[in-house]
Protein backbone atom coordinates (compact mmCIF):
# COMPACT_ATOMS: atom_id res chain seq x y z
CA MET A 1 44.22 -76.68 30.94
CA GLU A 2 43.20 -80.01 32.47
CA ASP A 3 45.72 -82.90 31.53
CA PHE A 4 43.88 -84.16 28.12
CA THR A 5 45.25 -87.78 29.25
CA LYS A 6 42.59 -87.95 32.09
CA PHE A 7 39.48 -87.46 29.77
CA LYS A 8 38.35 -91.00 28.26
CA ASP A 9 34.81 -89.47 26.70
CA PRO A 10 35.51 -88.01 23.13
CA LEU A 11 32.56 -85.78 24.34
CA PHE A 12 34.98 -83.59 26.06
CA ILE A 13 36.61 -81.72 23.40
CA LYS A 14 33.39 -80.25 22.67
CA THR A 15 33.16 -77.98 25.78
CA PHE A 16 36.33 -76.41 24.36
CA ASN A 17 36.67 -72.75 22.49
CA VAL A 18 39.72 -72.37 19.53
CA LYS A 19 41.76 -71.06 22.38
CA SER A 20 41.62 -73.90 24.17
CA LEU A 21 41.82 -75.91 20.93
CA ASN A 22 44.86 -74.79 20.06
CA VAL A 23 46.40 -75.61 23.50
CA LEU A 24 45.39 -79.15 23.32
CA SER A 25 47.05 -79.43 19.56
CA VAL A 26 50.32 -78.53 20.72
CA GLN A 27 49.94 -80.57 23.99
CA ILE A 28 49.14 -83.55 22.05
CA ARG A 29 52.15 -82.77 19.35
CA ASP A 30 54.41 -82.40 22.61
CA TYR A 31 53.09 -86.18 23.81
CA LEU A 32 53.10 -87.28 20.25
CA VAL A 33 56.75 -86.36 19.55
CA LYS A 34 57.86 -87.50 23.30
CA ASN A 35 56.29 -91.09 22.99
CA ILE A 36 56.91 -91.45 19.42
CA LEU A 37 60.68 -91.02 20.15
CA LEU A 38 60.76 -93.18 22.91
CA TYR A 39 59.14 -95.93 21.99
CA GLY A 40 58.78 -95.84 18.02
CA GLY A 41 56.21 -95.10 15.45
CA HIS A 42 55.27 -92.60 12.76
CA LEU A 43 55.78 -89.61 13.78
CA SER A 44 56.09 -87.13 11.02
CA SER A 45 52.60 -88.35 9.45
CA ASN A 46 50.88 -87.89 12.52
CA LEU A 47 52.25 -84.29 13.31
CA GLY A 48 50.90 -83.12 10.06
CA VAL A 49 46.71 -84.29 11.31
CA VAL A 50 46.72 -83.65 14.75
CA ASP A 51 44.64 -80.40 14.10
CA LEU A 52 42.63 -81.56 11.24
CA SER A 53 42.22 -84.14 13.81
CA ILE A 54 40.93 -82.19 16.45
CA ALA A 55 38.75 -80.43 14.32
CA LEU A 56 36.97 -83.61 13.45
CA TYR A 57 35.85 -84.61 16.48
CA TYR A 58 34.62 -81.44 17.51
CA SER A 59 32.94 -80.66 14.17
CA PHE A 60 31.41 -84.19 13.98
CA ASP A 61 29.47 -86.85 16.29
CA HIS A 62 32.38 -89.70 16.84
CA SER A 63 29.38 -91.95 18.78
CA LYS A 64 27.58 -91.91 15.15
CA ASP A 65 29.46 -90.59 12.51
CA ILE A 66 32.28 -92.77 11.17
CA PHE A 67 35.73 -91.60 10.34
CA LEU A 68 38.22 -93.84 8.07
CA PHE A 69 42.04 -92.75 8.00
CA ASP A 70 43.92 -93.59 4.52
CA THR A 71 46.55 -94.63 5.56
CA GLY A 72 45.80 -96.01 8.75
CA HIS A 73 49.12 -95.19 10.58
CA GLN A 74 47.87 -91.29 10.52
CA CYS A 75 45.38 -92.28 13.15
CA TYR A 76 47.51 -91.57 16.24
CA THR A 77 45.54 -88.10 17.86
CA SER A 78 42.33 -90.27 16.72
CA LYS A 79 43.41 -92.80 19.21
CA ILE A 80 44.10 -90.03 21.70
CA LEU A 81 40.68 -88.35 21.47
CA SER A 82 38.55 -91.44 21.42
CA GLY A 83 40.37 -91.96 24.97
CA ARG A 84 42.99 -94.15 24.38
CA ASN A 85 45.86 -92.14 25.59
CA ASP A 86 48.36 -94.68 27.07
CA PHE A 87 51.46 -95.14 24.53
CA GLU A 88 53.81 -96.27 27.24
CA ASN A 89 53.60 -99.78 25.60
CA PHE A 90 52.51 -98.36 21.82
CA ARG A 91 52.69 -100.78 19.13
CA THR A 92 53.58 -103.87 22.11
CA ILE A 93 51.48 -106.95 22.53
CA LYS A 94 50.52 -104.83 26.06
CA GLY A 95 49.54 -101.52 24.50
CA LEU A 96 47.72 -99.55 21.19
CA SER A 97 48.32 -100.62 17.77
CA GLY A 98 49.38 -98.25 15.18
CA PHE A 99 46.92 -98.58 13.15
CA PRO A 100 42.59 -98.45 13.44
CA SER A 101 42.08 -101.94 15.60
CA PRO A 102 38.53 -102.61 15.68
CA LYS A 103 39.49 -104.60 18.91
CA GLU A 104 40.64 -101.49 20.55
CA ASP A 105 37.79 -99.22 20.10
CA PRO A 106 34.45 -99.56 18.44
CA SER A 107 34.88 -96.20 16.42
CA ASP A 108 37.62 -97.56 14.63
CA GLN A 109 35.12 -99.12 11.81
CA PHE A 110 37.78 -100.52 9.41
CA ILE A 111 41.79 -101.79 9.16
CA THR A 112 43.50 -99.66 6.93
CA GLY A 113 47.27 -100.74 6.80
CA HIS A 114 47.48 -100.26 2.95
CA ALA A 115 46.76 -97.29 1.51
CA GLY A 116 44.08 -96.60 -1.51
CA SER A 117 41.41 -98.60 -0.05
CA ILE A 118 39.40 -96.28 1.86
CA LEU A 119 37.01 -94.54 -0.64
CA ALA A 120 35.77 -97.99 -1.51
CA ALA A 121 34.49 -98.86 2.10
CA GLN A 122 33.54 -95.67 2.20
CA ASN A 123 30.92 -96.19 -0.62
CA GLY A 124 30.29 -99.73 1.42
CA TYR A 125 29.42 -97.38 4.31
CA LEU A 126 27.08 -95.31 2.58
CA ILE A 127 25.29 -97.87 0.25
CA ASP A 128 24.50 -99.72 3.32
CA ASP A 129 23.52 -96.61 5.36
CA LYS A 130 20.85 -95.42 2.67
CA ASN A 131 19.39 -98.51 2.43
CA ASN A 132 19.01 -98.88 6.08
CA ASN A 133 17.32 -95.35 6.32
CA LEU A 134 20.64 -94.96 8.58
CA LYS A 135 21.20 -90.78 8.61
CA ARG A 136 25.27 -89.89 9.75
CA GLU A 137 27.83 -88.52 7.76
CA VAL A 138 30.69 -90.89 6.88
CA ILE A 139 34.34 -88.89 6.70
CA SER A 140 37.39 -90.16 4.97
CA VAL A 141 40.45 -89.02 5.85
CA ILE A 142 42.85 -89.75 2.45
CA GLY A 143 46.20 -88.32 2.02
CA ASP A 144 47.17 -86.42 -1.48
CA ALA A 145 50.32 -89.86 -1.85
CA SER A 146 47.26 -92.60 -1.67
CA ILE A 147 44.61 -91.14 -3.20
CA ILE A 148 46.59 -91.27 -6.55
CA ASN A 149 46.41 -94.77 -5.91
CA GLY A 150 44.43 -96.63 -8.61
CA MET A 151 41.99 -98.01 -5.99
CA ALA A 152 41.12 -94.63 -4.78
CA PHE A 153 40.11 -93.01 -8.29
CA GLU A 154 37.79 -96.16 -8.58
CA GLY A 155 36.12 -95.25 -5.39
CA LEU A 156 36.04 -91.64 -6.31
CA ASN A 157 33.89 -92.50 -9.48
CA ILE A 158 31.85 -94.77 -7.91
CA LEU A 159 30.58 -92.33 -5.42
CA SER A 160 30.60 -89.42 -8.02
CA GLY A 161 28.59 -91.52 -9.87
CA ARG A 162 25.67 -92.16 -6.99
CA LYS A 163 23.69 -88.62 -6.47
CA ASP A 164 21.86 -90.39 -3.85
CA LEU A 165 24.78 -91.02 -1.82
CA LYS A 166 26.30 -88.11 0.53
CA GLY A 167 30.03 -88.60 1.48
CA ILE A 168 32.61 -86.10 2.60
CA ILE A 169 36.50 -86.79 1.42
CA ILE A 170 39.32 -84.68 3.43
CA LEU A 171 41.93 -84.70 1.15
CA ASN A 172 45.08 -84.04 3.39
CA ASP A 173 47.67 -82.59 1.00
CA ASN A 174 51.02 -82.40 2.15
CA ASN A 175 53.02 -82.76 -1.14
CA MET A 176 54.59 -86.51 0.54
CA GLY A 177 53.58 -89.85 1.31
CA ILE A 178 56.58 -91.52 2.58
CA SER A 179 58.34 -89.79 0.43
CA LYS A 180 57.72 -86.95 -1.78
CA THR A 181 54.30 -87.33 -4.07
CA VAL A 182 54.95 -88.11 -7.54
CA SER A 183 52.50 -87.79 -10.65
CA GLY A 184 50.68 -85.96 -12.34
CA PHE A 185 47.93 -85.57 -9.90
CA SER A 186 50.52 -83.78 -7.43
CA PHE A 187 51.00 -80.92 -10.19
CA LEU A 188 46.88 -80.65 -10.14
CA LEU A 189 47.06 -80.38 -6.46
CA MET A 190 49.95 -77.80 -6.79
CA LYS A 191 47.75 -75.78 -9.18
CA LEU A 192 44.76 -75.69 -6.93
CA ARG A 193 46.98 -74.85 -3.85
CA GLY A 194 48.96 -71.99 -5.51
CA SER A 195 47.63 -70.56 -8.71
CA ALA A 196 48.78 -67.02 -9.19
CA GLU A 197 45.12 -65.55 -8.97
CA TYR A 198 44.18 -67.46 -5.53
CA ARG A 199 47.21 -65.96 -3.90
CA PHE A 200 46.31 -62.93 -5.08
CA ILE A 201 42.53 -63.38 -3.21
CA LYS A 202 44.56 -64.68 -0.10
CA ARG A 203 46.07 -61.40 0.16
CA LEU A 204 43.11 -59.15 -0.43
CA ILE A 205 40.47 -61.13 1.17
CA PRO A 206 42.44 -62.85 4.20
CA GLY A 207 39.97 -65.45 6.27
CA PHE A 208 37.49 -68.25 5.59
CA ILE A 209 35.35 -65.55 2.61
CA ARG A 210 38.29 -66.08 0.50
CA ASN A 211 37.32 -69.43 -0.63
CA ILE A 212 33.74 -67.95 -2.15
CA PHE A 213 36.11 -66.75 -4.45
CA LYS A 214 38.14 -69.65 -5.27
CA HIS A 215 35.98 -70.25 -8.40
CA LEU A 216 37.48 -67.57 -10.05
CA ALA A 217 41.31 -68.56 -9.37
CA ILE A 218 40.70 -72.35 -10.29
CA LYS A 219 38.62 -72.74 -13.52
CA ASN A 220 39.48 -76.47 -14.14
CA ASN A 221 39.29 -78.59 -10.93
CA LEU A 222 38.98 -82.89 -11.36
CA PHE A 223 36.27 -83.18 -7.96
CA GLU A 224 34.17 -80.62 -9.50
CA ASP A 225 34.05 -82.05 -13.02
CA LEU A 226 33.06 -85.61 -11.52
CA GLY A 227 30.35 -84.43 -9.56
CA PHE A 228 31.75 -83.35 -6.12
CA ALA A 229 31.55 -79.80 -4.22
CA TYR A 230 34.97 -78.83 -3.74
CA ILE A 231 36.03 -76.37 -1.13
CA GLY A 232 39.18 -75.18 0.23
CA PRO A 233 42.12 -75.26 -0.09
CA PHE A 234 42.42 -74.32 3.68
CA ASP A 235 45.43 -74.09 6.50
CA GLY A 236 45.33 -77.44 8.15
CA HIS A 237 46.72 -76.25 11.30
CA ASN A 238 44.05 -73.40 11.68
CA LEU A 239 41.44 -75.06 13.93
CA LYS A 240 39.09 -71.88 13.22
CA ASP A 241 39.07 -72.31 9.59
CA LEU A 242 39.30 -75.81 9.72
CA ILE A 243 36.16 -76.09 11.80
CA LYS A 244 34.25 -74.11 9.48
CA ALA A 245 35.29 -76.00 6.94
CA PHE A 246 33.64 -79.34 8.18
CA ASN A 247 30.25 -77.75 9.55
CA LEU A 248 29.80 -76.56 5.97
CA ALA A 249 30.50 -79.85 4.23
CA LYS A 250 27.73 -81.22 6.71
CA LYS A 251 25.23 -78.77 4.96
CA TYR A 252 25.91 -80.30 1.51
CA LYS A 253 23.23 -82.38 0.41
CA LYS A 254 25.96 -83.93 -1.91
CA SER A 255 29.58 -86.01 -1.39
CA VAL A 256 32.27 -83.25 -0.97
CA VAL A 257 35.70 -82.54 -1.10
CA ILE A 258 37.45 -80.51 1.70
CA HIS A 259 41.22 -79.52 0.54
CA VAL A 260 42.90 -79.21 3.50
CA LEU A 261 46.52 -78.01 3.43
CA THR A 262 49.14 -79.84 5.67
CA LYS A 263 52.70 -80.31 6.67
CA LYS A 264 54.30 -83.44 7.65
CA GLY A 265 56.23 -83.01 11.17
CA TYR A 266 54.39 -80.03 11.70
CA GLY A 267 55.02 -78.43 15.27
CA TYR A 268 58.67 -80.24 15.72
CA GLN A 269 61.42 -78.62 13.69
CA ASN A 270 63.44 -82.36 13.32
CA ALA A 271 60.47 -83.98 11.40
CA SER A 272 59.23 -81.16 9.36
CA THR A 273 62.98 -80.25 8.16
CA ASP A 274 63.65 -84.35 7.01
CA PRO A 275 59.90 -85.68 6.99
CA GLU A 276 61.53 -88.75 5.57
CA LYS A 277 63.53 -89.30 8.10
CA TYR A 278 60.92 -89.14 10.82
CA HIS A 279 58.15 -91.21 8.82
CA GLY A 280 58.88 -94.01 10.68
CA ILE A 281 60.67 -94.05 14.35
CA SER A 282 62.48 -97.19 15.37
CA LYS A 283 63.63 -97.79 18.60
CA THR A 284 66.74 -99.65 17.54
CA THR A 285 70.19 -97.93 17.40
CA LEU A 286 72.39 -99.47 15.48
CA SER A 287 76.06 -99.25 15.69
CA LYS A 288 78.94 -98.81 12.59
CA GLU A 289 79.20 -102.72 12.85
CA TYR A 290 75.67 -103.01 11.80
CA ILE A 291 73.47 -102.10 8.84
CA THR A 292 69.67 -102.88 7.56
CA PHE A 293 68.75 -105.30 5.66
CA SER A 294 67.03 -102.53 3.38
CA ASP A 295 70.22 -100.53 3.18
CA GLY A 296 72.85 -103.13 2.42
CA ILE A 297 70.45 -104.46 -0.56
CA ALA A 298 70.44 -101.13 -1.62
CA ARG A 299 74.01 -100.79 -1.30
CA ILE A 300 74.81 -103.73 -3.28
CA ILE A 301 72.37 -102.87 -6.50
CA THR A 302 74.30 -99.52 -6.18
CA MET A 303 77.49 -101.68 -6.50
CA LEU A 304 76.54 -103.80 -9.70
CA ASN A 305 75.65 -100.76 -11.24
CA THR A 306 77.59 -99.58 -13.88
CA ASN A 307 77.81 -96.82 -16.36
CA GLU A 308 77.79 -99.33 -19.24
CA ASN A 309 75.11 -101.51 -17.56
CA PRO A 310 72.94 -99.29 -15.76
CA ILE A 311 70.35 -101.24 -13.18
CA TYR A 312 66.59 -99.71 -13.15
CA VAL A 313 65.34 -99.26 -9.78
CA VAL A 314 61.50 -99.15 -9.88
CA SER A 315 59.95 -98.14 -6.30
CA SER A 316 56.29 -97.70 -5.53
CA GLY A 317 56.97 -94.38 -2.85
CA MET A 318 59.31 -96.45 -0.59
CA SER A 319 62.40 -94.77 -1.91
CA TYR A 320 63.67 -93.17 1.68
CA SER A 321 62.20 -96.82 3.60
CA SER A 322 64.00 -99.17 1.10
CA GLY A 323 67.48 -97.30 0.80
CA PHE A 324 67.48 -96.34 -2.35
CA LYS A 325 67.60 -92.44 -1.47
CA ASN A 326 70.98 -92.06 -2.90
CA TYR A 327 70.34 -94.04 -5.20
CA SER A 328 67.32 -92.06 -6.61
CA ILE A 329 69.21 -88.92 -6.44
CA ASN A 330 72.91 -90.38 -8.15
CA ASN A 331 71.36 -92.16 -10.77
CA LYS A 332 67.83 -90.16 -11.52
CA ASN A 333 67.30 -91.26 -15.13
CA TYR A 334 67.10 -95.11 -13.85
CA PHE A 335 65.18 -94.76 -10.96
CA ILE A 336 61.59 -94.73 -11.40
CA ASP A 337 59.27 -94.13 -8.11
CA THR A 338 55.38 -94.97 -9.35
CA GLY A 339 53.98 -93.52 -5.91
CA ILE A 340 51.78 -95.95 -3.93
CA ALA A 341 51.03 -97.89 -7.52
CA GLU A 342 52.66 -101.30 -7.06
CA GLU A 343 50.15 -102.66 -9.86
CA LEU A 344 51.96 -100.27 -12.45
CA SER A 345 55.70 -100.59 -11.03
CA ALA A 346 55.34 -104.44 -11.92
CA THR A 347 54.23 -103.84 -15.90
CA LEU A 348 56.47 -100.83 -16.13
CA ALA A 349 59.28 -102.98 -14.86
CA SER A 350 58.38 -106.01 -17.11
CA VAL A 351 58.79 -103.50 -19.95
CA LEU A 352 62.34 -102.20 -18.71
CA ALA A 353 63.50 -105.97 -18.08
CA THR A 354 63.52 -106.30 -22.07
CA LYS A 355 66.25 -103.51 -22.43
CA LYS A 356 67.99 -103.56 -19.20
CA ARG A 357 68.61 -104.76 -15.95
CA VAL A 358 65.93 -103.96 -13.37
CA PHE A 359 65.38 -104.38 -9.71
CA LEU A 360 61.28 -103.96 -8.80
CA SER A 361 61.78 -102.98 -4.79
CA TYR A 362 58.84 -104.07 -3.00
CA TYR A 363 57.68 -104.77 0.85
CA SER A 364 57.01 -108.32 0.86
CA VAL A 365 53.14 -107.24 2.08
CA PHE A 366 52.75 -104.60 -0.53
CA SER A 367 53.82 -107.56 -3.61
CA GLN A 368 50.29 -108.31 -2.76
CA ARG A 369 48.74 -105.48 -4.45
CA ALA A 370 50.52 -106.38 -7.58
CA TYR A 371 50.23 -110.31 -8.13
CA ASP A 372 48.00 -109.88 -10.82
CA GLN A 373 50.30 -107.32 -12.66
CA ILE A 374 53.23 -109.82 -11.63
CA LEU A 375 51.82 -113.14 -12.86
CA ASN A 376 50.86 -111.68 -16.21
CA ASP A 377 52.80 -108.93 -17.07
CA ILE A 378 56.19 -110.29 -15.43
CA ALA A 379 56.17 -114.18 -15.49
CA LEU A 380 53.83 -114.96 -18.29
CA ASN A 381 56.02 -112.35 -20.54
CA ASN A 382 58.96 -114.08 -19.29
CA SER A 383 60.59 -111.20 -18.11
CA HIS A 384 64.22 -111.64 -16.35
CA LEU A 385 64.23 -109.40 -13.13
CA VAL A 386 65.26 -109.21 -9.79
CA ILE A 387 62.39 -108.37 -7.46
CA GLY A 388 63.59 -107.21 -3.73
CA LEU A 389 60.73 -108.02 -0.91
CA ASP A 390 61.84 -106.03 1.75
CA ARG A 391 60.30 -106.86 5.61
CA ALA A 392 59.93 -110.36 4.53
CA GLY A 393 58.73 -112.85 7.65
CA LEU A 394 58.12 -111.28 10.66
CA VAL A 395 57.62 -106.86 11.00
CA PRO A 396 57.69 -105.93 14.27
CA GLY A 397 55.22 -103.13 15.44
CA ASP A 398 52.84 -102.64 12.55
CA GLY A 399 50.43 -105.22 13.23
CA LYS A 400 48.56 -108.13 11.03
CA THR A 401 48.70 -105.59 7.94
CA HIS A 402 51.95 -105.55 7.40
CA GLN A 403 53.22 -109.07 7.68
CA GLY A 404 55.60 -110.23 5.22
CA ILE A 405 53.99 -114.00 5.97
CA PHE A 406 52.37 -114.72 2.60
CA ASP A 407 55.37 -114.40 0.06
CA ILE A 408 56.29 -117.88 -0.73
CA GLY A 409 52.85 -119.03 -1.40
CA MET A 410 52.33 -116.29 -3.87
CA PHE A 411 55.31 -117.00 -5.57
CA SER A 412 55.98 -120.40 -5.68
CA ALA A 413 52.96 -120.27 -7.85
CA LEU A 414 54.46 -118.70 -10.44
CA PRO A 415 56.07 -120.25 -13.59
CA ASN A 416 60.04 -119.58 -14.03
CA VAL A 417 60.67 -118.20 -10.96
CA ILE A 418 63.73 -118.70 -8.33
CA ILE A 419 62.77 -117.28 -4.66
CA THR A 420 65.76 -116.76 -2.38
CA SER A 421 66.20 -115.64 1.08
CA PRO A 422 69.83 -114.73 2.40
CA TYR A 423 71.34 -115.19 5.52
CA ASP A 424 73.71 -111.83 5.01
CA LEU A 425 74.64 -109.08 2.57
CA ASN A 426 77.71 -111.59 0.79
CA GLU A 427 74.95 -114.16 0.13
CA ALA A 428 72.63 -111.38 -0.78
CA TYR A 429 75.17 -110.02 -3.06
CA ASN A 430 76.28 -113.79 -4.44
CA ILE A 431 72.49 -114.19 -5.45
CA ILE A 432 72.01 -110.45 -7.01
CA SER A 433 74.88 -110.44 -9.27
CA SER A 434 74.23 -113.74 -10.50
CA ALA A 435 70.31 -113.14 -10.82
CA PHE A 436 71.21 -110.70 -13.38
CA ASN A 437 71.91 -113.06 -15.53
CA PHE A 438 69.28 -115.18 -15.21
CA LYS A 439 66.59 -116.15 -17.36
CA LYS A 440 64.16 -116.19 -14.76
CA ILE A 441 62.44 -114.05 -12.52
CA THR A 442 64.40 -114.10 -8.92
CA VAL A 443 62.58 -113.15 -5.63
CA VAL A 444 65.34 -111.81 -3.50
CA ARG A 445 63.31 -111.64 0.57
CA TYR A 446 65.15 -109.94 3.15
CA PRO A 447 63.66 -108.99 7.03
CA LYS A 448 63.70 -105.94 8.33
CA ASP A 449 66.48 -106.56 10.77
CA VAL A 450 69.94 -105.63 10.82
CA THR A 451 73.00 -107.78 9.49
CA LEU A 452 76.54 -107.12 9.79
CA ASN A 453 77.96 -104.42 8.08
CA GLU A 454 80.68 -106.67 6.08
CA ASN A 455 82.68 -105.81 2.67
CA VAL A 456 80.71 -108.00 0.03
CA SER A 457 82.73 -110.20 -2.65
CA LEU A 458 82.05 -112.73 -5.38
CA ASP A 459 82.85 -116.64 -4.32
CA ASN A 460 83.79 -118.45 -7.23
CA ASN A 461 82.24 -121.24 -5.05
CA PHE A 462 78.75 -119.60 -4.34
CA SER A 463 75.90 -122.48 -5.86
CA PHE A 464 72.01 -121.71 -5.70
CA ASN A 465 71.80 -124.71 -3.41
CA TRP A 466 71.15 -125.07 0.46
CA SER A 467 74.16 -124.70 2.47
CA ILE A 468 75.35 -125.94 5.84
CA PHE A 469 74.86 -123.86 8.13
CA GLN A 470 76.03 -125.76 11.18
CA ASP A 471 77.35 -129.19 10.39
CA SER A 472 77.64 -132.65 12.35
CA ASP A 473 78.34 -136.03 11.28
CA ASN A 474 75.77 -137.81 12.90
CA PRO A 475 73.37 -135.73 13.98
CA SER A 476 70.35 -136.28 16.56
CA ILE A 477 67.95 -133.84 14.66
CA VAL A 478 68.32 -132.16 11.40
CA ILE A 479 66.37 -128.24 11.23
CA ILE A 480 66.00 -126.44 7.51
CA SER A 481 65.86 -123.08 8.23
CA TYR A 482 67.10 -119.69 5.95
CA GLY A 483 67.68 -115.73 6.90
CA LYS A 484 68.20 -114.69 10.00
CA SER A 485 65.69 -117.39 11.74
CA LEU A 486 69.29 -119.20 11.27
CA ASP A 487 70.89 -117.09 14.07
CA MET A 488 68.56 -118.44 16.86
CA ILE A 489 68.52 -121.33 15.74
CA LYS A 490 71.96 -122.12 16.22
CA GLU A 491 71.99 -120.21 19.62
CA VAL A 492 69.07 -122.32 20.90
CA VAL A 493 70.95 -125.81 19.75
CA THR A 494 74.67 -124.38 21.12
CA SER A 495 73.78 -123.19 24.34
CA ASN A 496 71.69 -126.64 24.98
CA ASN A 497 74.84 -129.04 23.67
CA ILE A 498 72.00 -130.24 21.20
CA ASN A 499 73.93 -132.10 18.25
CA ALA A 500 72.17 -130.73 15.38
CA LEU A 501 72.69 -130.40 11.51
CA ILE A 502 71.73 -127.10 10.36
CA ILE A 503 71.01 -126.35 6.66
CA ASN A 504 70.38 -122.69 5.39
CA ALA A 505 67.87 -123.40 2.49
CA ARG A 506 68.67 -119.92 1.27
CA ILE A 507 67.66 -121.05 -2.02
CA ILE A 508 63.81 -121.66 -0.96
CA TRP A 509 62.10 -122.03 -4.33
CA PRO A 510 63.38 -124.50 -6.91
CA LEU A 511 64.21 -126.76 -3.71
CA ASP A 512 67.27 -128.35 -3.76
CA LYS A 513 66.37 -132.35 -4.34
CA ARG A 514 69.81 -133.55 -3.91
CA MET A 515 70.05 -132.57 0.03
CA LEU A 516 66.45 -133.75 0.39
CA TYR A 517 67.38 -137.16 -0.63
CA TYR A 518 70.42 -136.52 1.14
CA LEU A 519 68.35 -136.35 4.39
CA HIS A 520 65.73 -139.32 3.09
CA GLU A 521 68.71 -141.58 2.89
CA ILE A 522 69.80 -140.73 6.71
CA LYS A 523 66.58 -141.03 8.39
CA LYS A 524 66.67 -138.22 11.01
CA LYS A 525 64.11 -136.55 11.96
CA VAL A 526 63.80 -133.15 10.29
CA ILE A 527 62.68 -129.39 11.48
CA VAL A 528 61.25 -126.85 9.08
CA TYR A 529 60.97 -123.70 10.75
CA GLU A 530 60.02 -120.48 9.17
CA GLU A 531 58.33 -117.07 9.54
CA GLN A 532 55.28 -117.93 6.90
CA TYR A 533 51.89 -118.45 7.22
CA CYS A 534 51.07 -122.48 7.41
CA ASN A 535 49.28 -122.94 4.05
CA VAL A 536 52.36 -122.54 1.55
CA ASN A 537 55.76 -122.11 2.69
CA LEU A 538 58.88 -124.01 2.45
CA TYR A 539 57.92 -127.06 4.34
CA THR A 540 54.55 -127.94 2.27
CA LEU A 541 56.71 -127.38 -0.91
CA ILE A 542 59.39 -130.44 0.33
CA CYS A 543 56.22 -132.36 1.03
CA GLU A 544 54.48 -131.88 -1.95
CA TYR A 545 57.95 -132.31 -3.95
CA LEU A 546 58.42 -135.89 -1.16
CA ILE A 547 55.10 -137.40 -2.34
CA LYS A 548 55.61 -136.88 -5.85
CA GLU A 549 59.18 -138.92 -5.51
CA LYS A 550 57.69 -141.54 -3.04
CA LEU A 551 60.59 -140.45 -0.96
CA TYR A 552 59.97 -140.63 2.98
CA LEU A 553 61.52 -137.60 5.72
CA ASP A 554 59.70 -137.51 9.32
CA LEU A 555 59.22 -133.66 8.78
CA ILE A 556 57.93 -131.19 11.93
CA ALA A 557 56.80 -127.94 10.82
CA LEU A 558 57.23 -125.20 13.00
CA ASN A 559 55.51 -122.28 11.39
CA ILE A 560 53.00 -119.29 11.76
CA LYS A 561 49.81 -121.14 12.47
CA ASP A 562 47.07 -117.78 13.14
CA TYR A 563 47.35 -114.90 10.34
CA ASP A 564 45.96 -112.41 13.10
CA ILE A 565 49.12 -111.32 14.59
CA PRO A 566 49.00 -108.40 16.85
CA SER A 567 51.46 -105.31 16.92
CA ALA A 568 54.06 -106.29 18.78
CA THR A 569 57.72 -106.42 19.12
CA LYS A 570 59.26 -109.18 17.42
CA ASP A 571 60.14 -111.63 20.51
CA GLU A 572 56.77 -110.91 21.51
CA MET A 573 55.20 -111.82 18.36
CA LEU A 574 57.72 -115.03 18.23
CA GLU A 575 56.50 -116.07 21.72
CA TYR A 576 52.81 -115.67 20.37
CA LEU A 577 53.02 -117.34 17.81
CA HIS A 578 54.93 -120.79 19.14
CA LEU A 579 57.87 -119.44 17.38
CA ASP A 580 60.52 -118.13 20.22
CA LYS A 581 63.42 -120.36 21.75
CA LYS A 582 61.61 -121.78 24.36
CA SER A 583 58.99 -123.39 21.69
CA LEU A 584 61.57 -124.38 19.70
CA LEU A 585 63.62 -125.94 22.19
CA GLU A 586 60.65 -127.97 23.52
CA VAL A 587 59.94 -129.32 19.74
CA ILE A 588 63.64 -130.22 19.39
CA LYS A 589 63.66 -132.01 22.87
CA ASN A 590 60.35 -133.78 22.01
CA ASN A 591 61.74 -135.26 18.36
CA LEU A 592 65.23 -135.86 19.30
CA ASN A 593 66.33 -139.32 17.83
């Protein structure tokens, strides 16, 4: 069979028979394993949808029909089949992104970086298509972990009520998100995929025809009760059955749900055995000297947890990626995974915080989904808990949908909140251990990065103020920053013999007023460097305070001016945003006293 990477027109697949499609499936899986292990990316989820994606392109018209993926990271085979098969610079500024991207190809109609949104988008396309008498299929591929999201149910509800619209929903059921799918809905799917009567029919009547008899085995079906046609479940790795199912769905006059059973990591034993581990592959190889911040923070929570004073950890489907897998196993009664339901997590955590200590674990970018609940159900209820914001700041590889660059603006607007950004695990330990005793919300920001794998200890002199990261009696310039950015700043000033005072603003909010007054007194130019969007950040909070207090600082802002951040490495992002070493040095030299 000819090398599939030479094909640029998706129509090539229409000329294949099922045997050739199966060969293509094996080739694509091998290609994905080779390149994702080399360049990084989402592996196990994409291996699970290779056959589904091939059947999709074979059965529907790529040039006319709309394919929507929820979540978008399962789109790799779709990229390959639409002619985007150069993974050499994958997830770098020169290469393909890891999510649907209209900039790459117009067939990527909608950017789907976050779970649960695609059924709402499908409704939008269907409504406009009807009003413009446009005849095409709009197909959503949504995972069983995404469909439990509240917004997805809202999309199902709206579509089920529109009898004048016809959408096709492919339920990619692998019983997993990043972690194991949790909820009563997952048990409903388990019933659909595995009732005893249905398994009996499968044994007696092999092949496609058995689905005609599914209603004999499955008497209660949420999708049919809502008014959808329901067909399945089908083996998601049987191309012949998938193609028949998709062609059948095209004949329906009303909206249809196709239930497809897939296995994450299919075709690669390591990934199929441990799909959580191989969900996201990083190019970084850690030595024992270093640890990821995610694992380090989880270790701190484990250290602080005791039988007498336990800590509830609340996660939204991120137990593995945020380092809490072992905690979830060893503290089952005090680990709550809500699935992809950040809003629910916030309200649930607020109530738990009235009883025990609580660590509410989010990715920075996903905390945005729960803003209303964080404001109304946590802050206005004056709940006292710690919110961990993993992946705060710039996040390499995942593009603009996953950047943690808005959280300071979001959380600084809340009442009764402390926002922190520890430099290392020792600072994180002292912040978190103290925060559990505060009558406030304490936000702990930490990056997708590594830090020294050090032993942490309680510092009796630790204060919730800014600290001196690099001292100078008579500095030529002052630089304020926080987190791991401090390392790069110190490297730049040290290697260029610049006499700089570097301040670690580890407590971002409330501001260290005494330090700001000191800087006002010494009358030096002050650079505020941060991986945050320009509208609201530490720099703007300082400006607001100075105006209020009628103080003066000669401030220079170095922050993010462009939120349209490409999929890129960390160094590429910094250069693109003019926050790299060269840009920092230029700003310093232009402002030396």
